[in-house]
Amino acid sequence: MKAYDNLTKIYKRIFLAKMIGLAISAAAVLVFIFGFQYTQNYYLLIGVLLWYTTVSGLVGLTGVLDYHPTLKIKLYLWRGFLIGGFMNLMLVFFTHDLMTQMVNDMIGLKLSVCTIFVGAFMEGAFIGLMVDYITTKKFGEGKQLLED
């Protein structure tokens, strides 16, 4: 892959993050289809496939931010945790009725409003944390990404 070798570290980090996100979303779609036999809404399955790819790309892109000047803290792994969690929270805000119906259909439980939001936040936070950890270990963070 000659084209990949010519990329800077930040582009490689974003590429790896998007590939991890694509693998996670493909696994989620396969679990929806084969594990829960959820085939009622194909738009939702395509949305899930694209959602985690986008969220992971954002996590990879924010790898250059390694210090918060106002709070005076290092952002190591907080980036992925917060971006993943809040992006999933935003997804539930926009699709609350559909998500509630889907969860009720798949696992057969009537969950409260709070449970859907907390569960989505924790799932996104875990995925964002995992993507940020892997990409930071592989390519670094902050100024390391811009030097090449």
C-alpha atoms as a PDB file:
ATOM      1  CA  MET A   1       0.000   0.000   0.000  1.00  0.00           C
ATOM      2  CA  LYS A   2       2.203   2.726  -1.318  1.00  0.00           C
ATOM      3  CA  ALA A   3      -0.407   5.462  -0.823  1.00  0.00           C
ATOM      4  CA  TYR A   4      -0.820   4.550   2.861  1.00  0.00           C
ATOM      5  CA  ASP A   5       2.926   4.824   3.482  1.00  0.00           C
ATOM      6  CA  ASN A   6       2.960   8.453   2.288  1.00  0.00           C
ATOM      7  CA  LEU A   7       0.308   9.610   4.761  1.00  0.00           C
ATOM      8  CA  THR A   8       1.148  11.590   7.889  1.00  0.00           C
ATOM      9  CA  LYS A   9       0.466  10.130  11.337  1.00  0.00           C
ATOM     10  CA  ILE A  10      -2.769  12.062  11.824  1.00  0.00           C
ATOM     11  CA  TYR A  11      -4.221  10.641   8.613  1.00  0.00           C
ATOM     12  CA  LYS A  12      -3.096   7.147   9.576  1.00  0.00           C
ATOM     13  CA  ARG A  13      -4.706   7.613  12.996  1.00  0.00           C
ATOM     14  CA  ILE A  14      -7.998   8.707  11.433  1.00  0.00           C
ATOM     15  CA  PHE A  15      -7.865   5.815   8.942  1.00  0.00           C
ATOM     16  CA  LEU A  16      -7.263   3.261  11.703  1.00  0.00           C
ATOM     17  CA  ALA A  17     -10.026   4.774  13.849  1.00  0.00           C
ATOM     18  CA  LYS A  18     -12.490   4.597  10.964  1.00  0.00           C
ATOM     19  CA  MET A  19     -11.560   0.978  10.236  1.00  0.00           C
ATOM     20  CA  ILE A  20     -12.093   0.059  13.906  1.00  0.00           C
ATOM     21  CA  GLY A  21     -15.440   1.871  13.839  1.00  0.00           C
ATOM     22  CA  LEU A  22     -16.445   0.082  10.650  1.00  0.00           C
ATOM     23  CA  ALA A  23     -15.574  -3.293  12.205  1.00  0.00           C
ATOM     24  CA  ILE A  24     -17.585  -2.465  15.345  1.00  0.00           C
ATOM     25  CA  SER A  25     -20.592  -1.294  13.345  1.00  0.00           C
ATOM     26  CA  ALA A  26     -20.464  -4.299  11.028  1.00  0.00           C
ATOM     27  CA  ALA A  27     -20.419  -6.564  14.082  1.00  0.00           C
ATOM     28  CA  ALA A  28     -23.381  -4.656  15.574  1.00  0.00           C
ATOM     29  CA  VAL A  29     -25.394  -4.993  12.363  1.00  0.00           C
ATOM     30  CA  LEU A  30     -24.657  -8.726  12.228  1.00  0.00           C
ATOM     31  CA  VAL A  31     -25.763  -9.110  15.853  1.00  0.00           C
ATOM     32  CA  PHE A  32     -28.976  -7.211  15.063  1.00  0.00           C
ATOM     33  CA  ILE A  33     -29.721  -9.411  12.062  1.00  0.00           C
ATOM     34  CA  PHE A  34     -28.585 -12.852  13.214  1.00  0.00           C
ATOM     35  CA  GLY A  35     -28.706 -12.541  17.001  1.00  0.00           C
ATOM     36  CA  PHE A  36     -31.968 -10.671  17.459  1.00  0.00           C
ATOM     37  CA  GLN A  37     -33.524 -11.284  14.007  1.00  0.00           C
ATOM     38  CA  TYR A  38     -34.119  -7.541  13.732  1.00  0.00           C
ATOM     39  CA  THR A  39     -34.826  -6.828  10.065  1.00  0.00           C
ATOM     40  CA  GLN A  40     -37.796  -4.475  10.404  1.00  0.00           C
ATOM     41  CA  ASN A  41     -35.928  -1.290   9.559  1.00  0.00           C
ATOM     42  CA  TYR A  42     -33.045  -1.486   7.097  1.00  0.00           C
ATOM     43  CA  TYR A  43     -32.473   2.264   7.309  1.00  0.00           C
ATOM     44  CA  LEU A  44     -31.624   1.830  10.974  1.00  0.00           C
ATOM     45  CA  LEU A  45     -29.129  -0.916  10.144  1.00  0.00           C
ATOM     46  CA  ILE A  46     -27.439   1.267   7.529  1.00  0.00           C
ATOM     47  CA  GLY A  47     -27.443   4.143  10.027  1.00  0.00           C
ATOM     48  CA  VAL A  48     -25.735   1.990  12.657  1.00  0.00           C
ATOM     49  CA  LEU A  49     -23.166   0.948  10.060  1.00  0.00           C
ATOM     50  CA  LEU A  50     -22.338   4.579   9.313  1.00  0.00           C
ATOM     51  CA  TRP A  51     -22.749   5.919  12.869  1.00  0.00           C
ATOM     52  CA  TYR A  52     -19.830   4.236  14.614  1.00  0.00           C
ATOM     53  CA  THR A  53     -17.613   4.795  11.595  1.00  0.00           C
ATOM     54  CA  THR A  54     -18.291   8.533  11.920  1.00  0.00           C
ATOM     55  CA  VAL A  55     -17.913   8.602  15.703  1.00  0.00           C
ATOM     56  CA  SER A  56     -14.620   6.720  15.469  1.00  0.00           C
ATOM     57  CA  GLY A  57     -13.396   9.134  12.806  1.00  0.00           C
ATOM     58  CA  LEU A  58     -14.111  12.040  15.166  1.00  0.00           C
ATOM     59  CA  VAL A  59     -12.229  10.300  17.950  1.00  0.00           C
ATOM     60  CA  GLY A  60      -9.276   9.765  15.624  1.00  0.00           C
ATOM     61  CA  LEU A  61      -9.358  13.379  14.456  1.00  0.00           C
ATOM     62  CA  THR A  62      -9.340  14.808  17.971  1.00  0.00           C
ATOM     63  CA  GLY A  63      -6.117  12.966  18.739  1.00  0.00           C
ATOM     64  CA  VAL A  64      -4.214  16.229  18.230  1.00  0.00           C
ATOM     65  CA  LEU A  65      -5.912  17.673  21.309  1.00  0.00           C
ATOM     66  CA  ASP A  66      -3.913  16.434  24.267  1.00  0.00           C
ATOM     67  CA  TYR A  67      -4.247  19.276  26.792  1.00  0.00           C
ATOM     68  CA  HIS A  68      -7.156  21.427  27.977  1.00  0.00           C
ATOM     69  CA  PRO A  69      -5.822  24.950  28.653  1.00  0.00           C
ATOM     70  CA  THR A  70      -8.702  26.133  30.852  1.00  0.00           C
ATOM     71  CA  LEU A  71      -9.028  23.052  33.055  1.00  0.00           C
ATOM     72  CA  LYS A  72      -5.266  22.435  32.913  1.00  0.00           C
ATOM     73  CA  ILE A  73      -5.614  18.674  32.489  1.00  0.00           C
ATOM     74  CA  LYS A  74      -4.265  16.158  29.986  1.00  0.00           C
ATOM     75  CA  LEU A  75      -6.992  14.758  27.771  1.00  0.00           C
ATOM     76  CA  TYR A  76      -5.514  11.274  27.391  1.00  0.00           C
ATOM     77  CA  LEU A  77      -8.468   8.941  26.723  1.00  0.00           C
ATOM     78  CA  TRP A  78     -11.028  11.506  27.942  1.00  0.00           C
ATOM     79  CA  ARG A  79     -11.468  12.479  24.302  1.00  0.00           C
ATOM     80  CA  GLY A  80     -12.775   9.095  23.252  1.00  0.00           C
ATOM     81  CA  PHE A  81     -14.881   8.606  26.372  1.00  0.00           C
ATOM     82  CA  LEU A  82     -16.666  11.941  26.055  1.00  0.00           C
ATOM     83  CA  ILE A  83     -17.024  12.033  22.265  1.00  0.00           C
ATOM     84  CA  GLY A  84     -18.347   8.472  22.066  1.00  0.00           C
ATOM     85  CA  GLY A  85     -20.694   8.915  25.007  1.00  0.00           C
ATOM     86  CA  PHE A  86     -22.172  12.231  23.989  1.00  0.00           C
ATOM     87  CA  MET A  87     -22.499  11.297  20.317  1.00  0.00           C
ATOM     88  CA  ASN A  88     -24.520   8.226  21.330  1.00  0.00           C
ATOM     89  CA  LEU A  89     -26.560  10.384  23.690  1.00  0.00           C
ATOM     90  CA  MET A  90     -27.313  12.710  20.778  1.00  0.00           C
ATOM     91  CA  LEU A  91     -28.340   9.697  18.679  1.00  0.00           C
ATOM     92  CA  VAL A  92     -30.862   8.661  21.330  1.00  0.00           C
ATOM     93  CA  PHE A  93     -32.209  12.216  21.572  1.00  0.00           C
ATOM     94  CA  PHE A  94     -32.974  12.195  17.846  1.00  0.00           C
ATOM     95  CA  THR A  95     -34.300   8.634  17.606  1.00  0.00           C
ATOM     96  CA  HIS A  96     -35.737   8.027  21.074  1.00  0.00           C
ATOM     97  CA  ASP A  97     -39.038   6.452  19.994  1.00  0.00           C
ATOM     98  CA  LEU A  98     -37.370   4.155  17.474  1.00  0.00           C
ATOM     99  CA  MET A  99     -34.615   3.135  19.930  1.00  0.00           C
ATOM    100  CA  THR A 100     -37.128   2.415  22.697  1.00  0.00           C
ATOM    101  CA  GLN A 101     -39.265   0.307  20.372  1.00  0.00           C
ATOM    102  CA  MET A 102     -36.201  -1.525  19.032  1.00  0.00           C
ATOM    103  CA  VAL A 103     -34.864  -2.355  22.505  1.00  0.00           C
ATOM    104  CA  ASN A 104     -38.312  -3.484  23.656  1.00  0.00           C
ATOM    105  CA  ASP A 105     -38.707  -5.700  20.568  1.00  0.00           C
ATOM    106  CA  MET A 106     -35.242  -7.232  20.822  1.00  0.00           C
ATOM    107  CA  ILE A 107     -34.973  -8.024  24.519  1.00  0.00           C
ATOM    108  CA  GLY A 108     -38.639  -7.961  25.489  1.00  0.00           C
ATOM    109  CA  LEU A 109     -38.290  -5.577  28.430  1.00  0.00           C
ATOM    110  CA  LYS A 110     -40.087  -2.306  28.974  1.00  0.00           C
ATOM    111  CA  LEU A 111     -37.202  -0.071  29.953  1.00  0.00           C
ATOM    112  CA  SER A 112     -37.493   3.353  31.506  1.00  0.00           C
ATOM    113  CA  VAL A 113     -36.492   6.526  29.698  1.00  0.00           C
ATOM    114  CA  CYS A 114     -33.384   6.914  31.853  1.00  0.00           C
ATOM    115  CA  THR A 115     -32.156   3.399  31.096  1.00  0.00           C
ATOM    116  CA  ILE A 116     -32.073   4.008  27.342  1.00  0.00           C
ATOM    117  CA  PHE A 117     -30.055   7.218  27.748  1.00  0.00           C
ATOM    118  CA  VAL A 118     -27.596   5.827  30.281  1.00  0.00           C
ATOM    119  CA  GLY A 119     -27.110   2.616  28.316  1.00  0.00           C
ATOM    120  CA  ALA A 120     -26.462   4.499  25.079  1.00  0.00           C
ATOM    121  CA  PHE A 121     -24.007   6.850  26.779  1.00  0.00           C
ATOM    122  CA  MET A 122     -22.052   4.003  28.366  1.00  0.00           C
ATOM    123  CA  GLU A 123     -21.956   1.998  25.128  1.00  0.00           C
ATOM    124  CA  GLY A 124     -20.672   4.987  23.147  1.00  0.00           C
ATOM    125  CA  ALA A 125     -18.203   5.898  25.879  1.00  0.00           C
ATOM    126  CA  PHE A 126     -16.787   2.372  25.890  1.00  0.00           C
ATOM    127  CA  ILE A 127     -16.431   2.276  22.109  1.00  0.00           C
ATOM    128  CA  GLY A 128     -14.872   5.757  22.013  1.00  0.00           C
ATOM    129  CA  LEU A 129     -12.478   4.849  24.818  1.00  0.00           C
ATOM    130  CA  MET A 130     -11.447   1.654  23.030  1.00  0.00           C
ATOM    131  CA  VAL A 131     -10.866   3.441  19.700  1.00  0.00           C
ATOM    132  CA  ASP A 132      -8.915   6.259  21.371  1.00  0.00           C
ATOM    133  CA  TYR A 133      -6.749   3.822  23.335  1.00  0.00           C
ATOM    134  CA  ILE A 134      -5.856   1.718  20.277  1.00  0.00           C
ATOM    135  CA  THR A 135      -5.110   4.674  18.018  1.00  0.00           C
ATOM    136  CA  THR A 136      -3.120   6.510  20.700  1.00  0.00           C
ATOM    137  CA  LYS A 137      -0.987   3.437  21.394  1.00  0.00           C
ATOM    138  CA  LYS A 138      -0.327   2.977  17.679  1.00  0.00           C
ATOM    139  CA  PHE A 139       0.306   6.575  16.549  1.00  0.00           C
ATOM    140  CA  GLY A 140       0.532   8.792  19.648  1.00  0.00           C
ATOM    141  CA  GLU A 141      -1.269  12.047  20.370  1.00  0.00           C
ATOM    142  CA  GLY A 142      -0.823  15.800  20.316  1.00  0.00           C
ATOM    143  CA  LYS A 143       2.258  17.218  18.609  1.00  0.00           C
ATOM    144  CA  GLN A 144       3.567  13.722  17.860  1.00  0.00           C
ATOM    145  CA  LEU A 145       0.864  13.414  15.206  1.00  0.00           C
ATOM    146  CA  LEU A 146       1.887  16.597  13.444  1.00  0.00           C
ATOM    147  CA  GLU A 147       5.599  15.813  13.295  1.00  0.00           C
ATOM    148  CA  ASP A 148       6.548  13.576  10.441  1.00  0.00           C
END
